[in-house]
Amino acid sequence: SSKRKLTRMRPNRRTGFDNMGSVRRFDTKLLVAVDVSGSISTKSLEYFYGVINSAFRYGFESIDVIQFDSQLQTSQPISLKDAKHLKISEVKGRGGTDFQVVFDYLREHNFYDGMIIFTDGYATQPKIEFFTRTKFVWILSDEKCYDEHNGWMKKIGRVCYINAK
């Protein structure tokens, strides 16, 4: 965190309560892009949202979720809490997959510190033709998809998989 605020209500114990203490406010912004194409099962989506919700409870100013297949399915990003409670019948899309739409969205909103992309990996490699400090993590839906796609995904960011079965 880069937002440090001095406070007299929490004195510093290391200096015998002579100095002011500090409270840190978090400023990390995370974008979660979820592939809602037909090849991702509803059980995998539910499991992924549960894992992300339990892993990122503390330390983030905002976690925005966008859903995509061959186009963005959410006009505005939704919060992680709203995405987790989204009924699977309300999930739009279920078509083919195109990663380029996610990176085009990031080009227009280039203020995120990190981006997590949940997918099965079956799409063409995106072209990143702009500068960004955003770190990327690809989370694949199973080990078979990881073995097949991790080569080109490692060029863009880190890659892992979860068995959501």
N, C-alpha and C. Protein backbone atom coordinates (compact mmCIF):
# COMPACT_ATOMS: atom_id res chain seq x y z
N SER A 1 0.83 -1.18 0.00
CA SER A 1 0.00 0.00 0.00
C SER A 1 0.87 1.24 0.00
N SER A 2 0.46 2.21 -0.74
CA SER A 2 1.18 3.47 -0.78
C SER A 2 0.45 4.56 -0.02
N LYS A 3 -0.70 4.25 0.52
CA LYS A 3 -1.48 5.24 1.26
C LYS A 3 -1.28 5.02 2.76
N ARG A 4 -0.34 5.75 3.33
CA ARG A 4 -0.04 5.66 4.75
C ARG A 4 -0.55 6.91 5.44
N LYS A 5 -1.29 6.71 6.51
CA LYS A 5 -1.89 7.83 7.21
C LYS A 5 -1.47 7.75 8.68
N LEU A 6 -0.91 8.84 9.18
CA LEU A 6 -0.52 8.89 10.58
C LEU A 6 -1.75 9.11 11.45
N THR A 7 -1.75 8.47 12.60
CA THR A 7 -2.87 8.61 13.50
C THR A 7 -2.38 8.63 14.94
N ARG A 8 -3.02 9.42 15.76
CA ARG A 8 -2.64 9.47 17.17
C ARG A 8 -3.43 8.45 17.99
N MET A 9 -4.45 7.88 17.39
CA MET A 9 -5.27 6.91 18.10
C MET A 9 -4.62 5.54 18.15
N ARG A 10 -3.65 5.30 17.29
CA ARG A 10 -2.92 4.04 17.32
C ARG A 10 -1.44 4.36 17.48
N PRO A 11 -0.97 4.58 18.68
CA PRO A 11 0.42 4.98 18.87
C PRO A 11 1.39 3.84 18.54
N ASN A 12 2.61 4.25 18.22
CA ASN A 12 3.65 3.31 17.84
C ASN A 12 4.21 2.66 19.11
N ARG A 13 4.10 1.35 19.22
CA ARG A 13 4.55 0.64 20.42
C ARG A 13 6.08 0.48 20.47
N ARG A 14 6.71 0.50 19.31
CA ARG A 14 8.17 0.29 19.28
C ARG A 14 8.94 1.45 19.88
N THR A 15 8.36 2.61 19.89
CA THR A 15 9.08 3.78 20.41
C THR A 15 8.52 4.23 21.76
N GLY A 16 7.86 3.32 22.46
CA GLY A 16 7.35 3.66 23.77
C GLY A 16 6.20 4.63 23.74
N PHE A 17 5.39 4.56 22.71
CA PHE A 17 4.20 5.39 22.55
C PHE A 17 4.52 6.88 22.41
N ASP A 18 5.78 7.22 22.06
CA ASP A 18 6.15 8.62 21.86
C ASP A 18 5.75 9.12 20.47
N ASN A 19 5.83 8.25 19.49
CA ASN A 19 5.54 8.66 18.12
C ASN A 19 4.14 8.24 17.71
N MET A 20 3.65 8.89 16.69
CA MET A 20 2.33 8.55 16.16
C MET A 20 2.39 7.20 15.45
N GLY A 21 1.29 6.50 15.47
CA GLY A 21 1.18 5.26 14.73
C GLY A 21 0.74 5.53 13.31
N SER A 22 0.54 4.49 12.56
CA SER A 22 0.10 4.67 11.18
C SER A 22 -0.91 3.60 10.80
N VAL A 23 -1.78 3.98 9.89
CA VAL A 23 -2.76 3.08 9.32
C VAL A 23 -2.54 3.10 7.82
N ARG A 24 -2.57 1.93 7.20
CA ARG A 24 -2.36 1.86 5.76
C ARG A 24 -3.68 1.57 5.05
N ARG A 25 -3.96 2.36 4.05
CA ARG A 25 -5.13 2.16 3.21
C ARG A 25 -4.65 1.50 1.92
N PHE A 26 -5.39 0.54 1.47
CA PHE A 26 -4.98 -0.20 0.28
C PHE A 26 -5.46 0.52 -0.98
N ASP A 27 -4.65 0.44 -2.03
CA ASP A 27 -5.01 1.10 -3.27
C ASP A 27 -4.86 0.17 -4.48
N THR A 28 -4.83 -1.13 -4.25
CA THR A 28 -4.67 -2.09 -5.33
C THR A 28 -6.02 -2.32 -6.01
N LYS A 29 -6.01 -2.21 -7.33
CA LYS A 29 -7.22 -2.44 -8.12
C LYS A 29 -7.00 -3.67 -8.98
N LEU A 30 -7.94 -4.59 -8.94
CA LEU A 30 -7.82 -5.87 -9.63
C LEU A 30 -8.99 -6.03 -10.60
N LEU A 31 -8.68 -6.51 -11.79
CA LEU A 31 -9.70 -6.80 -12.80
C LEU A 31 -9.74 -8.32 -13.00
N VAL A 32 -10.93 -8.89 -12.88
CA VAL A 32 -11.12 -10.32 -13.10
C VAL A 32 -11.94 -10.48 -14.36
N ALA A 33 -11.37 -11.12 -15.37
CA ALA A 33 -12.07 -11.38 -16.63
C ALA A 33 -12.45 -12.85 -16.68
N VAL A 34 -13.72 -13.12 -16.82
CA VAL A 34 -14.24 -14.49 -16.77
C VAL A 34 -14.78 -14.87 -18.14
N ASP A 35 -14.28 -15.97 -18.65
CA ASP A 35 -14.72 -16.51 -19.93
C ASP A 35 -16.05 -17.23 -19.70
N VAL A 36 -17.12 -16.71 -20.28
CA VAL A 36 -18.44 -17.33 -20.12
C VAL A 36 -18.88 -18.00 -21.42
N SER A 37 -17.92 -18.49 -22.18
CA SER A 37 -18.26 -19.17 -23.42
C SER A 37 -18.88 -20.54 -23.08
N GLY A 38 -19.37 -21.20 -24.10
CA GLY A 38 -20.05 -22.47 -23.90
C GLY A 38 -19.15 -23.58 -23.40
N SER A 39 -17.84 -23.45 -23.54
CA SER A 39 -16.93 -24.52 -23.13
C SER A 39 -16.61 -24.50 -21.64
N ILE A 40 -17.00 -23.44 -20.92
CA ILE A 40 -16.81 -23.37 -19.47
C ILE A 40 -18.11 -23.79 -18.80
N SER A 41 -18.04 -24.78 -17.94
CA SER A 41 -19.26 -25.27 -17.29
C SER A 41 -19.71 -24.32 -16.18
N THR A 42 -20.97 -24.39 -15.85
CA THR A 42 -21.50 -23.55 -14.78
C THR A 42 -20.89 -23.93 -13.44
N LYS A 43 -20.58 -25.18 -13.25
CA LYS A 43 -19.94 -25.62 -12.01
C LYS A 43 -18.54 -25.01 -11.87
N SER A 44 -17.82 -24.93 -12.99
CA SER A 44 -16.50 -24.30 -12.98
C SER A 44 -16.59 -22.82 -12.63
N LEU A 45 -17.60 -22.14 -13.18
CA LEU A 45 -17.79 -20.72 -12.87
C LEU A 45 -18.09 -20.51 -11.39
N GLU A 46 -18.98 -21.33 -10.84
CA GLU A 46 -19.32 -21.20 -9.42
C GLU A 46 -18.10 -21.46 -8.54
N TYR A 47 -17.33 -22.48 -8.88
CA TYR A 47 -16.14 -22.81 -8.09
C TYR A 47 -15.10 -21.69 -8.16
N PHE A 48 -14.90 -21.14 -9.36
CA PHE A 48 -13.93 -20.06 -9.53
C PHE A 48 -14.32 -18.84 -8.72
N TYR A 49 -15.58 -18.43 -8.79
CA TYR A 49 -16.03 -17.28 -8.01
C TYR A 49 -15.85 -17.52 -6.51
N GLY A 50 -16.08 -18.72 -6.06
CA GLY A 50 -15.88 -19.04 -4.65
C GLY A 50 -14.42 -18.93 -4.24
N VAL A 51 -13.52 -19.43 -5.08
CA VAL A 51 -12.09 -19.36 -4.79
C VAL A 51 -11.60 -17.92 -4.78
N ILE A 52 -11.99 -17.14 -5.77
CA ILE A 52 -11.57 -15.75 -5.85
C ILE A 52 -12.11 -14.95 -4.67
N ASN A 53 -13.35 -15.20 -4.30
CA ASN A 53 -13.96 -14.47 -3.19
C ASN A 53 -13.25 -14.78 -1.87
N SER A 54 -12.87 -16.02 -1.65
CA SER A 54 -12.20 -16.36 -0.39
C SER A 54 -10.73 -15.94 -0.40
N ALA A 55 -10.11 -15.87 -1.55
CA ALA A 55 -8.68 -15.53 -1.62
C ALA A 55 -8.43 -14.03 -1.54
N PHE A 56 -9.35 -13.22 -2.02
CA PHE A 56 -9.12 -11.78 -2.12
C PHE A 56 -10.10 -11.00 -1.25
N ARG A 57 -10.19 -11.34 0.01
CA ARG A 57 -11.07 -10.60 0.91
C ARG A 57 -10.44 -9.33 1.44
N TYR A 58 -9.14 -9.31 1.58
CA TYR A 58 -8.48 -8.21 2.27
C TYR A 58 -7.32 -7.70 1.42
N GLY A 59 -7.12 -6.41 1.39
CA GLY A 59 -5.95 -5.85 0.74
C GLY A 59 -6.19 -5.23 -0.62
N PHE A 60 -7.43 -5.17 -1.06
CA PHE A 60 -7.72 -4.62 -2.37
C PHE A 60 -8.74 -3.50 -2.23
N GLU A 61 -8.49 -2.41 -2.92
CA GLU A 61 -9.44 -1.31 -2.92
C GLU A 61 -10.68 -1.68 -3.72
N SER A 62 -10.47 -2.28 -4.87
CA SER A 62 -11.61 -2.71 -5.67
C SER A 62 -11.23 -3.93 -6.50
N ILE A 63 -12.21 -4.80 -6.67
CA ILE A 63 -12.09 -5.97 -7.54
C ILE A 63 -13.26 -5.90 -8.50
N ASP A 64 -12.97 -5.64 -9.77
CA ASP A 64 -14.00 -5.52 -10.79
C ASP A 64 -14.02 -6.80 -11.63
N VAL A 65 -15.21 -7.23 -12.01
CA VAL A 65 -15.39 -8.44 -12.79
C VAL A 65 -16.04 -8.08 -14.12
N ILE A 66 -15.45 -8.57 -15.21
CA ILE A 66 -16.09 -8.47 -16.52
C ILE A 66 -16.24 -9.88 -17.07
N GLN A 67 -17.29 -10.10 -17.81
CA GLN A 67 -17.54 -11.39 -18.44
C GLN A 67 -17.42 -11.22 -19.94
N PHE A 68 -16.83 -12.21 -20.58
CA PHE A 68 -16.61 -12.11 -22.03
C PHE A 68 -16.72 -13.48 -22.67
N ASP A 69 -17.03 -13.47 -23.93
CA ASP A 69 -16.84 -14.63 -24.80
C ASP A 69 -16.22 -14.10 -26.09
N SER A 70 -16.98 -13.90 -27.14
CA SER A 70 -16.43 -13.27 -28.34
C SER A 70 -16.57 -11.75 -28.26
N GLN A 71 -17.30 -11.27 -27.25
CA GLN A 71 -17.44 -9.84 -26.98
C GLN A 71 -17.67 -9.67 -25.49
N LEU A 72 -17.59 -8.44 -25.01
CA LEU A 72 -17.85 -8.19 -23.60
C LEU A 72 -19.34 -8.40 -23.33
N GLN A 73 -19.64 -9.13 -22.28
CA GLN A 73 -21.03 -9.40 -21.93
C GLN A 73 -21.54 -8.46 -20.85
N THR A 74 -20.64 -7.73 -20.21
CA THR A 74 -21.03 -6.74 -19.20
C THR A 74 -20.60 -5.38 -19.71
N SER A 75 -21.55 -4.44 -19.81
CA SER A 75 -21.20 -3.12 -20.32
C SER A 75 -20.34 -2.35 -19.32
N GLN A 76 -20.60 -2.54 -18.04
CA GLN A 76 -19.81 -1.96 -16.96
C GLN A 76 -19.29 -3.10 -16.10
N PRO A 77 -18.10 -2.95 -15.53
CA PRO A 77 -17.63 -4.00 -14.63
C PRO A 77 -18.53 -4.07 -13.40
N ILE A 78 -18.70 -5.28 -12.89
CA ILE A 78 -19.50 -5.47 -11.69
C ILE A 78 -18.57 -5.87 -10.55
N SER A 79 -19.00 -5.66 -9.33
CA SER A 79 -18.15 -6.00 -8.19
C SER A 79 -18.09 -7.52 -8.03
N LEU A 80 -17.08 -7.99 -7.34
CA LEU A 80 -16.91 -9.42 -7.13
C LEU A 80 -18.08 -9.99 -6.33
N LYS A 81 -18.55 -9.23 -5.37
CA LYS A 81 -19.67 -9.68 -4.55
C LYS A 81 -20.93 -9.88 -5.39
N ASP A 82 -21.20 -8.94 -6.30
CA ASP A 82 -22.35 -9.07 -7.17
C ASP A 82 -22.17 -10.21 -8.18
N ALA A 83 -20.95 -10.41 -8.64
CA ALA A 83 -20.69 -11.47 -9.61
C ALA A 83 -20.86 -12.84 -8.98
N LYS A 84 -20.47 -12.98 -7.72
CA LYS A 84 -20.60 -14.27 -7.05
C LYS A 84 -22.06 -14.63 -6.84
N HIS A 85 -22.90 -13.63 -6.58
CA HIS A 85 -24.31 -13.89 -6.35
C HIS A 85 -25.14 -13.86 -7.63
N LEU A 86 -24.46 -13.67 -8.76
CA LEU A 86 -25.15 -13.66 -10.05
C LEU A 86 -25.63 -15.07 -10.35
N LYS A 87 -26.89 -15.21 -10.67
CA LYS A 87 -27.43 -16.52 -11.00
C LYS A 87 -26.85 -16.95 -12.34
N ILE A 88 -26.56 -18.23 -12.46
CA ILE A 88 -25.97 -18.74 -13.68
C ILE A 88 -26.93 -18.53 -14.86
N SER A 89 -28.23 -18.50 -14.61
CA SER A 89 -29.17 -18.24 -15.70
C SER A 89 -29.04 -16.81 -16.22
N GLU A 90 -28.44 -15.91 -15.39
CA GLU A 90 -28.25 -14.53 -15.81
C GLU A 90 -26.95 -14.32 -16.57
N VAL A 91 -26.13 -15.35 -16.66
CA VAL A 91 -24.85 -15.25 -17.37
C VAL A 91 -25.15 -15.20 -18.86
N LYS A 92 -24.68 -14.15 -19.49
CA LYS A 92 -24.90 -13.98 -20.92
C LYS A 92 -23.74 -14.61 -21.67
N GLY A 93 -23.90 -14.71 -22.96
CA GLY A 93 -22.81 -15.19 -23.78
C GLY A 93 -23.01 -16.63 -24.17
N ARG A 94 -22.07 -17.46 -23.79
CA ARG A 94 -22.05 -18.88 -24.11
C ARG A 94 -21.79 -19.11 -25.59
N GLY A 95 -21.00 -18.20 -26.20
CA GLY A 95 -20.60 -18.35 -27.60
C GLY A 95 -19.14 -18.77 -27.68
N GLY A 96 -18.42 -18.30 -28.71
CA GLY A 96 -17.01 -18.57 -28.85
C GLY A 96 -16.19 -17.67 -27.94
N THR A 97 -14.86 -17.76 -28.01
CA THR A 97 -14.00 -16.99 -27.12
C THR A 97 -13.03 -16.14 -27.92
N ASP A 98 -12.83 -14.89 -27.49
CA ASP A 98 -11.86 -13.99 -28.08
C ASP A 98 -11.22 -13.19 -26.94
N PHE A 99 -9.93 -13.41 -26.71
CA PHE A 99 -9.23 -12.71 -25.63
C PHE A 99 -8.96 -11.25 -25.97
N GLN A 100 -8.98 -10.90 -27.23
CA GLN A 100 -8.63 -9.54 -27.64
C GLN A 100 -9.60 -8.51 -27.06
N VAL A 101 -10.86 -8.88 -26.86
CA VAL A 101 -11.83 -7.92 -26.31
C VAL A 101 -11.47 -7.54 -24.87
N VAL A 102 -10.88 -8.46 -24.12
CA VAL A 102 -10.46 -8.16 -22.75
C VAL A 102 -9.30 -7.18 -22.76
N PHE A 103 -8.35 -7.39 -23.64
CA PHE A 103 -7.19 -6.50 -23.70
C PHE A 103 -7.57 -5.15 -24.31
N ASP A 104 -8.56 -5.10 -25.17
CA ASP A 104 -9.06 -3.82 -25.66
C ASP A 104 -9.73 -3.05 -24.53
N TYR A 105 -10.46 -3.75 -23.67
CA TYR A 105 -11.06 -3.10 -22.50
C TYR A 105 -9.97 -2.56 -21.58
N LEU A 106 -8.91 -3.33 -21.39
CA LEU A 106 -7.80 -2.89 -20.54
C LEU A 106 -7.10 -1.67 -21.13
N ARG A 107 -7.00 -1.60 -22.45
CA ARG A 107 -6.38 -0.43 -23.08
C ARG A 107 -7.16 0.84 -22.74
N GLU A 108 -8.49 0.75 -22.73
CA GLU A 108 -9.32 1.91 -22.42
C GLU A 108 -9.34 2.23 -20.93
N HIS A 109 -9.14 1.24 -20.08
CA HIS A 109 -9.18 1.40 -18.62
C HIS A 109 -7.86 0.89 -18.05
N ASN A 110 -6.79 1.59 -18.34
CA ASN A 110 -5.45 1.12 -18.00
C ASN A 110 -5.00 1.60 -16.62
N PHE A 111 -5.83 1.40 -15.60
CA PHE A 111 -5.47 1.81 -14.24
C PHE A 111 -5.45 0.62 -13.27
N TYR A 112 -5.63 -0.58 -13.77
CA TYR A 112 -5.63 -1.76 -12.91
C TYR A 112 -4.20 -2.21 -12.62
N ASP A 113 -3.99 -2.70 -11.41
CA ASP A 113 -2.67 -3.20 -11.03
C ASP A 113 -2.48 -4.65 -11.43
N GLY A 114 -3.55 -5.39 -11.54
CA GLY A 114 -3.47 -6.79 -11.91
C GLY A 114 -4.73 -7.25 -12.60
N MET A 115 -4.59 -8.31 -13.41
CA MET A 115 -5.74 -8.87 -14.10
C MET A 115 -5.67 -10.38 -14.04
N ILE A 116 -6.77 -11.00 -13.64
CA ILE A 116 -6.91 -12.45 -13.61
C ILE A 116 -7.87 -12.83 -14.72
N ILE A 117 -7.46 -13.78 -15.55
CA ILE A 117 -8.30 -14.23 -16.66
C ILE A 117 -8.61 -15.71 -16.43
N PHE A 118 -9.88 -16.03 -16.22
CA PHE A 118 -10.32 -17.41 -16.05
C PHE A 118 -10.88 -17.90 -17.37
N THR A 119 -10.31 -18.97 -17.89
CA THR A 119 -10.68 -19.46 -19.21
C THR A 119 -10.28 -20.92 -19.36
N ASP A 120 -10.65 -21.51 -20.49
CA ASP A 120 -10.14 -22.82 -20.84
C ASP A 120 -9.01 -22.70 -21.86
N GLY A 121 -8.78 -21.51 -22.39
CA GLY A 121 -7.64 -21.24 -23.25
C GLY A 121 -7.85 -21.46 -24.72
N TYR A 122 -9.02 -21.92 -25.13
CA TYR A 122 -9.25 -22.21 -26.53
C TYR A 122 -9.67 -20.96 -27.29
N ALA A 123 -8.69 -20.18 -27.68
CA ALA A 123 -8.90 -18.97 -28.50
C ALA A 123 -7.54 -18.57 -29.04
N THR A 124 -7.55 -17.60 -29.94
CA THR A 124 -6.28 -17.13 -30.49
C THR A 124 -5.56 -16.24 -29.49
N GLN A 125 -4.25 -16.21 -29.61
CA GLN A 125 -3.43 -15.40 -28.71
C GLN A 125 -3.71 -13.91 -28.94
N PRO A 126 -3.94 -13.14 -27.87
CA PRO A 126 -4.21 -11.71 -28.04
C PRO A 126 -2.95 -10.93 -28.35
N LYS A 127 -3.13 -9.77 -28.96
CA LYS A 127 -2.00 -8.87 -29.25
C LYS A 127 -2.09 -7.69 -28.29
N ILE A 128 -1.04 -7.49 -27.53
CA ILE A 128 -0.99 -6.36 -26.61
C ILE A 128 -0.11 -5.31 -27.25
N GLU A 129 -0.73 -4.32 -27.86
CA GLU A 129 0.00 -3.29 -28.61
C GLU A 129 -0.03 -1.96 -27.90
N PHE A 130 0.01 -1.99 -26.57
CA PHE A 130 0.01 -0.77 -25.78
C PHE A 130 0.82 -1.04 -24.51
N PHE A 131 1.26 0.04 -23.87
CA PHE A 131 2.03 -0.10 -22.64
C PHE A 131 1.10 -0.23 -21.45
N THR A 132 1.38 -1.17 -20.59
CA THR A 132 0.61 -1.33 -19.37
C THR A 132 1.52 -1.88 -18.27
N ARG A 133 1.27 -1.44 -17.05
CA ARG A 133 1.98 -1.98 -15.89
C ARG A 133 1.20 -3.11 -15.23
N THR A 134 0.07 -3.44 -15.79
CA THR A 134 -0.80 -4.48 -15.23
C THR A 134 -0.12 -5.84 -15.32
N LYS A 135 -0.16 -6.58 -14.21
CA LYS A 135 0.36 -7.95 -14.17
C LYS A 135 -0.79 -8.89 -14.52
N PHE A 136 -0.48 -9.96 -15.25
CA PHE A 136 -1.50 -10.88 -15.72
C PHE A 136 -1.33 -12.26 -15.10
N VAL A 137 -2.46 -12.87 -14.75
CA VAL A 137 -2.50 -14.26 -14.30
C VAL A 137 -3.59 -14.96 -15.09
N TRP A 138 -3.22 -16.03 -15.75
CA TRP A 138 -4.17 -16.86 -16.48
C TRP A 138 -4.51 -18.04 -15.58
N ILE A 139 -5.79 -18.25 -15.32
CA ILE A 139 -6.22 -19.41 -14.55
C ILE A 139 -7.04 -20.27 -15.50
N LEU A 140 -6.54 -21.48 -15.74
CA LEU A 140 -7.20 -22.38 -16.66
C LEU A 140 -8.10 -23.35 -15.90
N SER A 141 -9.12 -23.84 -16.57
CA SER A 141 -10.17 -24.60 -15.90
C SER A 141 -9.77 -26.03 -15.56
N ASP A 142 -8.75 -26.58 -16.18
CA ASP A 142 -8.28 -27.91 -15.79
C ASP A 142 -6.85 -28.13 -16.26
N GLU A 143 -6.28 -29.24 -15.85
CA GLU A 143 -4.87 -29.53 -16.13
C GLU A 143 -4.62 -29.79 -17.62
N LYS A 144 -5.58 -30.39 -18.30
CA LYS A 144 -5.43 -30.67 -19.73
C LYS A 144 -5.29 -29.36 -20.51
N CYS A 145 -6.12 -28.38 -20.19
CA CYS A 145 -6.04 -27.07 -20.84
C CYS A 145 -4.71 -26.39 -20.51
N TYR A 146 -4.24 -26.57 -19.28
CA TYR A 146 -2.95 -25.98 -18.87
C TYR A 146 -1.82 -26.55 -19.72
N ASP A 147 -1.79 -27.87 -19.87
CA ASP A 147 -0.73 -28.51 -20.65
C ASP A 147 -0.75 -28.05 -22.11
N GLU A 148 -1.93 -27.77 -22.62
CA GLU A 148 -2.06 -27.41 -24.02
C GLU A 148 -1.72 -25.94 -24.30
N HIS A 149 -2.01 -25.03 -23.36
CA HIS A 149 -1.92 -23.60 -23.66
C HIS A 149 -0.88 -22.83 -22.87
N ASN A 150 -0.23 -23.43 -21.91
CA ASN A 150 0.66 -22.64 -21.04
C ASN A 150 1.87 -22.07 -21.77
N GLY A 151 2.25 -22.60 -22.90
CA GLY A 151 3.41 -22.10 -23.63
C GLY A 151 3.26 -20.65 -24.06
N TRP A 152 2.19 -20.32 -24.76
CA TRP A 152 2.01 -18.94 -25.21
C TRP A 152 1.49 -18.04 -24.10
N MET A 153 0.81 -18.59 -23.12
CA MET A 153 0.30 -17.76 -22.02
C MET A 153 1.41 -17.28 -21.10
N LYS A 154 2.48 -18.07 -20.97
CA LYS A 154 3.60 -17.67 -20.12
C LYS A 154 4.33 -16.46 -20.69
N LYS A 155 4.19 -16.20 -21.97
CA LYS A 155 4.81 -15.02 -22.57
C LYS A 155 4.11 -13.74 -22.12
N ILE A 156 2.84 -13.86 -21.73
CA ILE A 156 2.05 -12.69 -21.33
C ILE A 156 2.03 -12.52 -19.82
N GLY A 157 1.96 -13.60 -19.08
CA GLY A 157 1.88 -13.52 -17.62
C GLY A 157 2.08 -14.88 -16.98
N ARG A 158 1.67 -14.99 -15.76
CA ARG A 158 1.77 -16.27 -15.05
C ARG A 158 0.57 -17.13 -15.38
N VAL A 159 0.77 -18.45 -15.27
CA VAL A 159 -0.27 -19.39 -15.65
C VAL A 159 -0.43 -20.44 -14.56
N CYS A 160 -1.67 -20.75 -14.23
CA CYS A 160 -1.95 -21.85 -13.31
C CYS A 160 -3.30 -22.45 -13.69
N TYR A 161 -3.71 -23.49 -12.99
CA TYR A 161 -5.00 -24.09 -13.27
C TYR A 161 -5.65 -24.50 -11.95
N ILE A 162 -6.96 -24.61 -11.99
CA ILE A 162 -7.71 -25.15 -10.86
C ILE A 162 -8.58 -26.27 -11.40
N ASN A 163 -8.70 -27.32 -10.64
CA ASN A 163 -9.60 -28.40 -11.02
C ASN A 163 -10.97 -28.09 -10.45
N ALA A 164 -11.82 -27.55 -11.27
CA ALA A 164 -13.13 -27.10 -10.83
C ALA A 164 -14.18 -28.15 -11.14
N LYS A 165 -13.92 -29.36 -10.76
CA LYS A 165 -14.87 -30.44 -11.09
C LYS A 165 -15.43 -31.03 -9.85
